[in-house]
Amino acid sequence: MREMFDRLRGGDLYAVLSFATNKELEPLVSIITAKLTNFLDVKDEYKQHHPDHGRYHALIGDELRLYGGNSLMNLGRGGEGPPYDEIVADVCWKLSVPYEKGQTVGNEDNLLDIFLEQRWHSLASAERDRLAGAAREGAGSADARHRQARLGA
């Protein structure tokens, strides 16, 4: 089990997908199967288990890696896409986001920080105020539950 947690902390795509729920995997499957170039919907494992996406999470990971690579390069890799860490680093490089090879989770954090900051600034002032209030309320509720749990322990 420790090995699995190490893989999760390291940003191993397949480990992350193995813990995802069907509801969490559904948007990925929808995006993948909407493309004419997907291989997922021709796989026996997909046909047999769809919509139980967790049963074929590795196929979903394979498809994501293929989309992250160049078709000719994928052929040179034996029909596989690049490692997930390489995909994340390439996205960071293309968006001029700081990244460090081999630090998948940190690189994803950097991408999310940039995305969320841009998204935040694109919101109307009233929407920002509403979201900030909801976040304060949620944080206050979590803090109250934490204090209550400490007192009850």
Protein backbone atom coordinates (compact mmCIF):
# COMPACT_ATOMS: atom_id res chain seq x y z
CA MET A 1 0.00 0.00 0.00
CA ARG A 2 2.89 2.34 0.77
CA GLU A 3 4.16 1.86 -2.79
CA MET A 4 0.77 2.97 -4.15
CA PHE A 5 0.81 6.12 -2.01
CA ASP A 6 4.33 6.88 -3.19
CA ARG A 7 3.13 6.49 -6.78
CA LEU A 8 0.19 8.82 -6.07
CA ARG A 9 2.45 11.43 -4.46
CA GLY A 10 4.80 11.10 -7.43
CA GLY A 11 2.00 11.94 -9.86
CA ASP A 12 1.73 8.49 -11.47
CA LEU A 13 -1.19 8.87 -13.89
CA TYR A 14 -2.28 5.25 -13.63
CA ALA A 15 -2.23 5.29 -9.82
CA VAL A 16 -4.37 8.44 -9.77
CA LEU A 17 -6.84 6.99 -12.27
CA SER A 18 -7.06 3.74 -10.27
CA PHE A 19 -8.46 5.70 -7.30
CA ALA A 20 -10.87 7.80 -9.35
CA THR A 21 -14.59 7.09 -9.20
CA ASN A 22 -16.72 6.36 -12.26
CA LYS A 23 -18.22 9.83 -11.86
CA GLU A 24 -14.75 11.40 -11.89
CA LEU A 25 -13.67 9.33 -14.91
CA GLU A 26 -16.84 9.99 -16.93
CA PRO A 27 -15.77 13.42 -18.31
CA LEU A 28 -12.46 11.95 -19.49
CA VAL A 29 -14.20 9.03 -21.19
CA SER A 30 -16.70 11.40 -22.84
CA ILE A 31 -13.94 13.62 -24.19
CA ILE A 32 -11.90 10.65 -25.41
CA THR A 33 -14.79 8.84 -27.12
CA ALA A 34 -15.99 12.06 -28.78
CA LYS A 35 -12.78 12.09 -30.85
CA LEU A 36 -12.71 10.08 -34.05
CA THR A 37 -9.08 9.19 -33.42
CA ASN A 38 -9.69 7.37 -30.15
CA PHE A 39 -8.86 3.71 -29.64
CA LEU A 40 -10.82 3.32 -26.42
CA ASP A 41 -14.21 2.48 -27.87
CA VAL A 42 -12.80 -0.37 -29.97
CA LYS A 43 -11.14 -2.12 -27.02
CA ASP A 44 -12.87 -5.26 -25.72
CA GLU A 45 -12.28 -4.24 -22.10
CA TYR A 46 -14.11 -0.94 -22.72
CA LYS A 47 -17.00 -2.65 -24.53
CA GLN A 48 -17.36 -5.24 -21.77
CA HIS A 49 -17.25 -2.88 -18.76
CA HIS A 50 -18.54 0.51 -19.94
CA PRO A 51 -19.79 2.53 -17.99
CA ASP A 52 -17.83 0.99 -15.09
CA HIS A 53 -14.84 3.16 -16.01
CA GLY A 54 -12.72 2.07 -13.06
CA ARG A 55 -12.49 -1.40 -14.59
CA TYR A 56 -10.56 -0.01 -17.57
CA HIS A 57 -8.77 2.97 -16.00
CA ALA A 58 -5.44 1.90 -17.55
CA LEU A 59 -6.94 2.20 -21.04
CA ILE A 60 -8.07 5.73 -20.18
CA GLY A 61 -4.50 6.53 -19.10
CA ASP A 62 -3.13 5.07 -22.34
CA GLU A 63 -5.47 7.29 -24.37
CA LEU A 64 -4.49 10.41 -22.41
CA ARG A 65 -0.83 9.66 -23.04
CA LEU A 66 -1.48 9.16 -26.77
CA TYR A 67 -3.20 12.57 -26.94
CA GLY A 68 -0.20 14.09 -25.20
CA GLY A 69 2.23 12.91 -27.86
CA ASN A 70 3.04 13.44 -31.49
CA SER A 71 1.68 10.68 -33.74
CA LEU A 72 5.06 9.94 -35.34
CA MET A 73 6.85 9.97 -32.00
CA ASN A 74 4.16 7.69 -30.56
CA LEU A 75 4.89 5.21 -33.35
CA GLY A 76 8.57 5.37 -32.42
CA ARG A 77 7.62 4.58 -28.82
CA GLY A 78 5.86 1.40 -29.89
CA GLY A 79 2.42 2.96 -30.19
CA GLU A 80 2.51 4.52 -26.73
CA GLY A 81 2.29 8.15 -25.78
CA PRO A 82 4.93 9.94 -23.74
CA PRO A 83 5.12 9.48 -19.98
CA TYR A 84 2.60 11.66 -18.12
CA ASP A 85 5.40 13.63 -16.43
CA GLU A 86 6.72 14.61 -19.86
CA ILE A 87 3.25 15.74 -20.97
CA VAL A 88 2.84 17.95 -17.90
CA ALA A 89 6.34 19.42 -18.37
CA ASP A 90 5.58 20.13 -22.06
CA VAL A 91 2.35 21.94 -21.18
CA CYS A 92 4.23 24.01 -18.59
CA TRP A 93 6.94 24.85 -21.14
CA LYS A 94 4.40 25.86 -23.80
CA LEU A 95 2.53 28.10 -21.34
CA SER A 96 5.74 29.55 -19.84
CA VAL A 97 4.88 28.11 -16.43
CA PRO A 98 7.83 27.24 -14.19
CA TYR A 99 8.42 23.48 -13.99
CA GLU A 100 10.97 20.96 -12.87
CA LYS A 101 11.45 17.61 -14.63
CA GLY A 102 10.34 14.72 -12.45
CA GLN A 103 8.17 16.90 -10.20
CA THR A 104 4.77 16.07 -11.70
CA VAL A 105 2.61 17.11 -8.74
CA GLY A 106 4.47 20.40 -8.26
CA ASN A 107 4.23 21.12 -11.99
CA GLU A 108 0.48 20.40 -11.93
CA ASP A 109 0.18 22.77 -8.96
CA ASN A 110 1.96 25.49 -10.94
CA LEU A 111 -0.42 24.97 -13.88
CA LEU A 112 -3.47 25.09 -11.62
CA ASP A 113 -2.22 28.23 -9.87
CA ILE A 114 -1.86 30.02 -13.21
CA PHE A 115 -5.20 28.73 -14.50
CA LEU A 116 -7.09 29.61 -11.34
CA GLU A 117 -5.54 33.06 -11.16
CA GLN A 118 -6.53 33.76 -14.78
CA ARG A 119 -10.01 32.34 -14.17
CA TRP A 120 -10.41 34.43 -10.99
CA HIS A 121 -9.52 37.64 -12.81
CA SER A 122 -11.98 36.83 -15.61
CA LEU A 123 -14.90 36.72 -13.16
CA ALA A 124 -17.15 39.70 -12.54
CA SER A 125 -16.64 41.43 -9.20
CA ALA A 126 -19.97 40.18 -7.84
CA GLU A 127 -19.09 36.58 -8.72
CA ARG A 128 -15.69 36.93 -7.02
CA ASP A 129 -17.39 38.28 -3.90
CA ARG A 130 -19.89 35.40 -3.90
CA LEU A 131 -17.15 32.76 -4.29
CA ALA A 132 -14.95 34.38 -1.64
CA GLY A 133 -17.88 34.41 0.79
CA ALA A 134 -18.63 30.76 0.11
CA ALA A 135 -14.96 29.88 0.63
CA ARG A 136 -14.86 31.79 3.94
CA GLU A 137 -18.05 30.04 5.05
CA GLY A 138 -16.68 26.62 4.09
CA ALA A 139 -13.38 27.32 5.84
CA GLY A 140 -15.23 28.49 8.95
CA SER A 141 -17.36 25.33 9.00
CA ALA A 142 -14.30 23.13 8.60
CA ASP A 143 -12.50 25.01 11.36
CA ALA A 144 -15.51 24.62 13.69
CA ARG A 145 -15.69 20.87 12.96
CA HIS A 146 -11.97 20.56 13.65
CA ARG A 147 -12.28 22.40 17.01
CA GLN A 148 -15.28 20.27 17.93
CA ALA A 149 -13.43 17.05 17.07
CA ARG A 150 -10.45 18.12 19.20
CA LEU A 151 -12.68 18.91 22.17
CA GLY A 152 -14.58 15.65 21.80
CA ALA A 153 -11.39 13.56 21.57
